[in-house]
């Protein structure tokens, strides 16, 4: 079997998962990137917009835009810091907690569906193969990055290429 056929299968699976993920999020009234943002605020109540941007490795403007959208939807609320009136603290509303639960359940169901008919041993082997392929391609700048930071690194490379053209 040719390597391009294997790579094509990986890409096809990745695209199908992206399509299904966007459908799930759309059904919940969420946009891609919002569930990790909601999760971060759930795990760090009282955090700031800057904390969110730093953790998710997005620009402050992008964080501001997404948080504004989440606030308008009633998922996130802001409270002025008692000690610093210039600082807003972020909290997730009950609706946001429910949306987060719903998203987790939907993604869990998607994962179960994706791995249907695949044994535990096959899952372990698949994970090991993916990790080895990642290590084969990673370098010192990418090896230790979280998924959010890998997304950001990819976006930055594409943005830089567009600016250069």
C-alpha atoms as a PDB file:
ATOM      1  CA  UNK A   1       0.000   0.000   0.000  1.00  0.00           C
ATOM      2  CA  UNK A   2       1.261   3.452  -0.905  1.00  0.00           C
ATOM      3  CA  UNK A   3       1.884   5.958   1.908  1.00  0.00           C
ATOM      4  CA  UNK A   4      -0.313   8.574   0.218  1.00  0.00           C
ATOM      5  CA  UNK A   5      -3.242   6.143   0.554  1.00  0.00           C
ATOM      6  CA  UNK A   6      -2.640   5.798   4.301  1.00  0.00           C
ATOM      7  CA  UNK A   7      -2.223   9.562   4.697  1.00  0.00           C
ATOM      8  CA  UNK A   8      -5.398  10.050   2.656  1.00  0.00           C
ATOM      9  CA  UNK A   9      -7.270   7.831   5.116  1.00  0.00           C
ATOM     10  CA  UNK A  10      -5.957   9.852   8.058  1.00  0.00           C
ATOM     11  CA  UNK A  11      -6.985  13.110   6.382  1.00  0.00           C
ATOM     12  CA  UNK A  12     -10.400  11.722   5.450  1.00  0.00           C
ATOM     13  CA  UNK A  13     -11.015  10.651   9.061  1.00  0.00           C
ATOM     14  CA  UNK A  14      -9.861  14.045  10.344  1.00  0.00           C
ATOM     15  CA  UNK A  15     -12.212  15.874   7.974  1.00  0.00           C
ATOM     16  CA  UNK A  16     -15.168  13.631   8.856  1.00  0.00           C
ATOM     17  CA  UNK A  17     -14.563  14.244  12.557  1.00  0.00           C
ATOM     18  CA  UNK A  18     -14.415  17.994  11.894  1.00  0.00           C
ATOM     19  CA  UNK A  19     -17.713  17.870   9.979  1.00  0.00           C
ATOM     20  CA  UNK A  20     -19.412  15.847  12.718  1.00  0.00           C
ATOM     21  CA  UNK A  21     -17.970  18.087  15.458  1.00  0.00           C
ATOM     22  CA  UNK A  22     -19.237  21.240  13.787  1.00  0.00           C
ATOM     23  CA  UNK A  23     -22.683  19.695  13.406  1.00  0.00           C
ATOM     24  CA  UNK A  24     -22.754  18.777  17.087  1.00  0.00           C
ATOM     25  CA  UNK A  25     -21.666  22.259  18.128  1.00  0.00           C
ATOM     26  CA  UNK A  26     -24.133  23.903  15.770  1.00  0.00           C
ATOM     27  CA  UNK A  27     -26.959  21.852  17.294  1.00  0.00           C
ATOM     28  CA  UNK A  28     -25.897  23.166  20.705  1.00  0.00           C
ATOM     29  CA  UNK A  29     -25.654  26.765  19.489  1.00  0.00           C
ATOM     30  CA  UNK A  30     -21.884  26.809  19.944  1.00  0.00           C
ATOM     31  CA  UNK A  31     -19.011  27.686  17.639  1.00  0.00           C
ATOM     32  CA  UNK A  32     -15.719  25.778  17.303  1.00  0.00           C
ATOM     33  CA  UNK A  33     -13.302  26.951  19.958  1.00  0.00           C
ATOM     34  CA  UNK A  34     -16.015  27.870  22.452  1.00  0.00           C
ATOM     35  CA  UNK A  35     -16.168  24.571  24.391  1.00  0.00           C
ATOM     36  CA  UNK A  36     -12.489  24.777  25.474  1.00  0.00           C
ATOM     37  CA  UNK A  37     -13.069  28.406  26.469  1.00  0.00           C
ATOM     38  CA  UNK A  38     -16.137  27.482  28.544  1.00  0.00           C
ATOM     39  CA  UNK A  39     -14.255  24.555  30.114  1.00  0.00           C
ATOM     40  CA  UNK A  40     -11.360  26.816  31.067  1.00  0.00           C
ATOM     41  CA  UNK A  41     -13.663  29.302  32.797  1.00  0.00           C
ATOM     42  CA  UNK A  42     -15.477  26.446  34.586  1.00  0.00           C
ATOM     43  CA  UNK A  43     -12.131  25.152  35.858  1.00  0.00           C
ATOM     44  CA  UNK A  44     -10.849  28.666  36.697  1.00  0.00           C
ATOM     45  CA  UNK A  45     -13.810  30.710  37.980  1.00  0.00           C
ATOM     46  CA  UNK A  46     -12.932  34.371  38.304  1.00  0.00           C
ATOM     47  CA  UNK A  47     -10.247  34.210  35.625  1.00  0.00           C
ATOM     48  CA  UNK A  48      -9.669  37.127  33.297  1.00  0.00           C
ATOM     49  CA  UNK A  49      -9.977  37.497  29.551  1.00  0.00           C
ATOM     50  CA  UNK A  50      -6.165  37.607  29.405  1.00  0.00           C
ATOM     51  CA  UNK A  51      -5.961  34.296  31.292  1.00  0.00           C
ATOM     52  CA  UNK A  52      -8.261  32.695  28.711  1.00  0.00           C
ATOM     53  CA  UNK A  53      -6.273  34.110  25.789  1.00  0.00           C
ATOM     54  CA  UNK A  54      -2.973  32.962  27.284  1.00  0.00           C
ATOM     55  CA  UNK A  55      -4.200  29.451  28.100  1.00  0.00           C
ATOM     56  CA  UNK A  56      -5.839  28.846  24.728  1.00  0.00           C
ATOM     57  CA  UNK A  57      -2.986  30.605  22.917  1.00  0.00           C
ATOM     58  CA  UNK A  58      -5.265  32.985  21.044  1.00  0.00           C
ATOM     59  CA  UNK A  59      -5.030  36.718  20.551  1.00  0.00           C
ATOM     60  CA  UNK A  60      -6.641  38.986  23.143  1.00  0.00           C
ATOM     61  CA  UNK A  61      -8.909  40.309  20.368  1.00  0.00           C
ATOM     62  CA  UNK A  62     -10.063  36.792  19.494  1.00  0.00           C
ATOM     63  CA  UNK A  63     -10.715  36.012  23.157  1.00  0.00           C
ATOM     64  CA  UNK A  64     -12.643  39.280  23.552  1.00  0.00           C
ATOM     65  CA  UNK A  65     -14.808  38.519  20.533  1.00  0.00           C
ATOM     66  CA  UNK A  66     -15.591  34.949  21.594  1.00  0.00           C
ATOM     67  CA  UNK A  67     -16.249  35.897  25.208  1.00  0.00           C
ATOM     68  CA  UNK A  68     -18.545  38.721  24.099  1.00  0.00           C
ATOM     69  CA  UNK A  69     -20.513  36.219  22.007  1.00  0.00           C
ATOM     70  CA  UNK A  70     -20.686  33.790  24.953  1.00  0.00           C
ATOM     71  CA  UNK A  71     -21.797  36.591  27.269  1.00  0.00           C
ATOM     72  CA  UNK A  72     -24.504  37.690  24.845  1.00  0.00           C
ATOM     73  CA  UNK A  73     -25.730  34.061  24.675  1.00  0.00           C
ATOM     74  CA  UNK A  74     -25.960  33.935  28.483  1.00  0.00           C
ATOM     75  CA  UNK A  75     -23.203  31.318  28.813  1.00  0.00           C
ATOM     76  CA  UNK A  76     -20.545  33.511  30.448  1.00  0.00           C
ATOM     77  CA  UNK A  77     -21.002  36.434  32.823  1.00  0.00           C
ATOM     78  CA  UNK A  78     -18.548  39.136  33.793  1.00  0.00           C
ATOM     79  CA  UNK A  79     -18.181  40.697  37.201  1.00  0.00           C
ATOM     80  CA  UNK A  80     -16.052  43.713  37.986  1.00  0.00           C
ATOM     81  CA  UNK A  81     -13.180  42.852  40.310  1.00  0.00           C
ATOM     82  CA  UNK A  82     -13.833  44.322  43.756  1.00  0.00           C
ATOM     83  CA  UNK A  83     -10.202  45.436  44.128  1.00  0.00           C
ATOM     84  CA  UNK A  84      -9.655  46.695  40.576  1.00  0.00           C
ATOM     85  CA  UNK A  85     -12.556  48.290  38.724  1.00  0.00           C
ATOM     86  CA  UNK A  86     -10.636  48.006  35.435  1.00  0.00           C
ATOM     87  CA  UNK A  87     -10.595  44.210  35.675  1.00  0.00           C
ATOM     88  CA  UNK A  88     -13.505  41.907  34.827  1.00  0.00           C
ATOM     89  CA  UNK A  89     -13.703  38.396  36.235  1.00  0.00           C
ATOM     90  CA  UNK A  90     -15.335  35.614  34.213  1.00  0.00           C
ATOM     91  CA  UNK A  91     -17.824  33.034  35.433  1.00  0.00           C
ATOM     92  CA  UNK A  92     -19.901  30.397  33.665  1.00  0.00           C
ATOM     93  CA  UNK A  93     -23.682  30.592  34.092  1.00  0.00           C
ATOM     94  CA  UNK A  94     -25.941  27.599  34.718  1.00  0.00           C
ATOM     95  CA  UNK A  95     -26.769  27.641  31.005  1.00  0.00           C
ATOM     96  CA  UNK A  96     -23.039  27.515  30.240  1.00  0.00           C
ATOM     97  CA  UNK A  97     -22.509  24.583  32.578  1.00  0.00           C
ATOM     98  CA  UNK A  98     -25.374  22.738  30.874  1.00  0.00           C
ATOM     99  CA  UNK A  99     -24.023  23.550  27.395  1.00  0.00           C
ATOM    100  CA  UNK A 100     -20.606  22.269  28.470  1.00  0.00           C
ATOM    101  CA  UNK A 101     -22.137  19.014  29.760  1.00  0.00           C
ATOM    102  CA  UNK A 102     -24.157  18.617  26.578  1.00  0.00           C
ATOM    103  CA  UNK A 103     -21.065  19.180  24.434  1.00  0.00           C
ATOM    104  CA  UNK A 104     -19.056  16.644  26.444  1.00  0.00           C
ATOM    105  CA  UNK A 105     -21.832  14.058  26.139  1.00  0.00           C
ATOM    106  CA  UNK A 106     -22.181  14.683  22.407  1.00  0.00           C
ATOM    107  CA  UNK A 107     -18.436  14.353  21.823  1.00  0.00           C
ATOM    108  CA  UNK A 108     -18.312  11.204  23.958  1.00  0.00           C
ATOM    109  CA  UNK A 109     -21.093   9.719  21.824  1.00  0.00           C
ATOM    110  CA  UNK A 110     -19.187  10.705  18.674  1.00  0.00           C
ATOM    111  CA  UNK A 111     -16.028   9.030  19.984  1.00  0.00           C
ATOM    112  CA  UNK A 112     -17.949   5.861  20.834  1.00  0.00           C
ATOM    113  CA  UNK A 113     -19.447   5.854  17.346  1.00  0.00           C
ATOM    114  CA  UNK A 114     -16.046   6.433  15.732  1.00  0.00           C
ATOM    115  CA  UNK A 115     -14.455   3.507  17.584  1.00  0.00           C
ATOM    116  CA  UNK A 116     -17.403   1.134  17.200  1.00  0.00           C
ATOM    117  CA  UNK A 117     -16.217  -2.376  16.310  1.00  0.00           C
ATOM    118  CA  UNK A 118     -12.626  -1.590  17.248  1.00  0.00           C
ATOM    119  CA  UNK A 119     -11.180  -3.616  20.126  1.00  0.00           C
ATOM    120  CA  UNK A 120      -9.328  -2.197  23.117  1.00  0.00           C
ATOM    121  CA  UNK A 121      -6.093  -3.722  21.788  1.00  0.00           C
ATOM    122  CA  UNK A 122      -6.644  -2.038  18.421  1.00  0.00           C
ATOM    123  CA  UNK A 123      -7.292   1.294  20.148  1.00  0.00           C
ATOM    124  CA  UNK A 124      -4.058   0.979  22.109  1.00  0.00           C
ATOM    125  CA  UNK A 125      -2.162   0.096  18.932  1.00  0.00           C
ATOM    126  CA  UNK A 126      -3.744   3.007  17.048  1.00  0.00           C
ATOM    127  CA  UNK A 127      -2.804   5.453  19.816  1.00  0.00           C
ATOM    128  CA  UNK A 128       0.759   4.128  19.875  1.00  0.00           C
ATOM    129  CA  UNK A 129       1.040   4.482  16.098  1.00  0.00           C
ATOM    130  CA  UNK A 130      -0.297   8.046  16.217  1.00  0.00           C
ATOM    131  CA  UNK A 131       2.154   8.943  19.002  1.00  0.00           C
ATOM    132  CA  UNK A 132       5.084   7.472  17.031  1.00  0.00           C
ATOM    133  CA  UNK A 133       4.079   9.351  13.872  1.00  0.00           C
ATOM    134  CA  UNK A 134       3.752  12.572  15.894  1.00  0.00           C
ATOM    135  CA  UNK A 135       7.214  12.049  17.372  1.00  0.00           C
ATOM    136  CA  UNK A 136       8.601  11.375  13.890  1.00  0.00           C
ATOM    137  CA  UNK A 137       7.368  14.785  12.719  1.00  0.00           C
ATOM    138  CA  UNK A 138       7.716  16.872  15.906  1.00  0.00           C
ATOM    139  CA  UNK A 139      10.727  19.002  16.698  1.00  0.00           C
ATOM    140  CA  UNK A 140      11.835  20.963  19.761  1.00  0.00           C
ATOM    141  CA  UNK A 141       9.353  23.761  18.967  1.00  0.00           C
ATOM    142  CA  UNK A 142       6.299  21.489  18.710  1.00  0.00           C
ATOM    143  CA  UNK A 143       6.967  18.355  20.783  1.00  0.00           C
ATOM    144  CA  UNK A 144       5.671  19.675  24.123  1.00  0.00           C
ATOM    145  CA  UNK A 145       2.757  21.747  22.828  1.00  0.00           C
ATOM    146  CA  UNK A 146      -0.813  21.131  23.944  1.00  0.00           C
ATOM    147  CA  UNK A 147      -3.499  20.600  21.302  1.00  0.00           C
ATOM    148  CA  UNK A 148      -4.626  24.251  21.666  1.00  0.00           C
ATOM    149  CA  UNK A 149      -1.067  25.457  21.190  1.00  0.00           C
ATOM    150  CA  UNK A 150      -0.560  23.128  18.183  1.00  0.00           C
ATOM    151  CA  UNK A 151      -3.712  24.619  16.612  1.00  0.00           C
ATOM    152  CA  UNK A 152      -2.356  28.077  17.247  1.00  0.00           C
ATOM    153  CA  UNK A 153       1.050  27.182  15.809  1.00  0.00           C
ATOM    154  CA  UNK A 154      -0.605  25.852  12.651  1.00  0.00           C
ATOM    155  CA  UNK A 155      -2.775  28.973  12.359  1.00  0.00           C
ATOM    156  CA  UNK A 156       0.274  31.202  12.840  1.00  0.00           C
ATOM    157  CA  UNK A 157       2.182  29.406  10.082  1.00  0.00           C
ATOM    158  CA  UNK A 158      -0.759  29.729   7.673  1.00  0.00           C
ATOM    159  CA  UNK A 159      -1.237  33.414   8.588  1.00  0.00           C
ATOM    160  CA  UNK A 160       2.445  34.128   8.026  1.00  0.00           C
ATOM    161  CA  UNK A 161       2.342  32.359   4.641  1.00  0.00           C
ATOM    162  CA  UNK A 162      -0.677  34.450   3.598  1.00  0.00           C
ATOM    163  CA  UNK A 163       1.091  37.663   4.647  1.00  0.00           C
ATOM    164  CA  UNK A 164       4.182  36.649   2.659  1.00  0.00           C
ATOM    165  CA  UNK A 165       2.142  36.092  -0.530  1.00  0.00           C
END
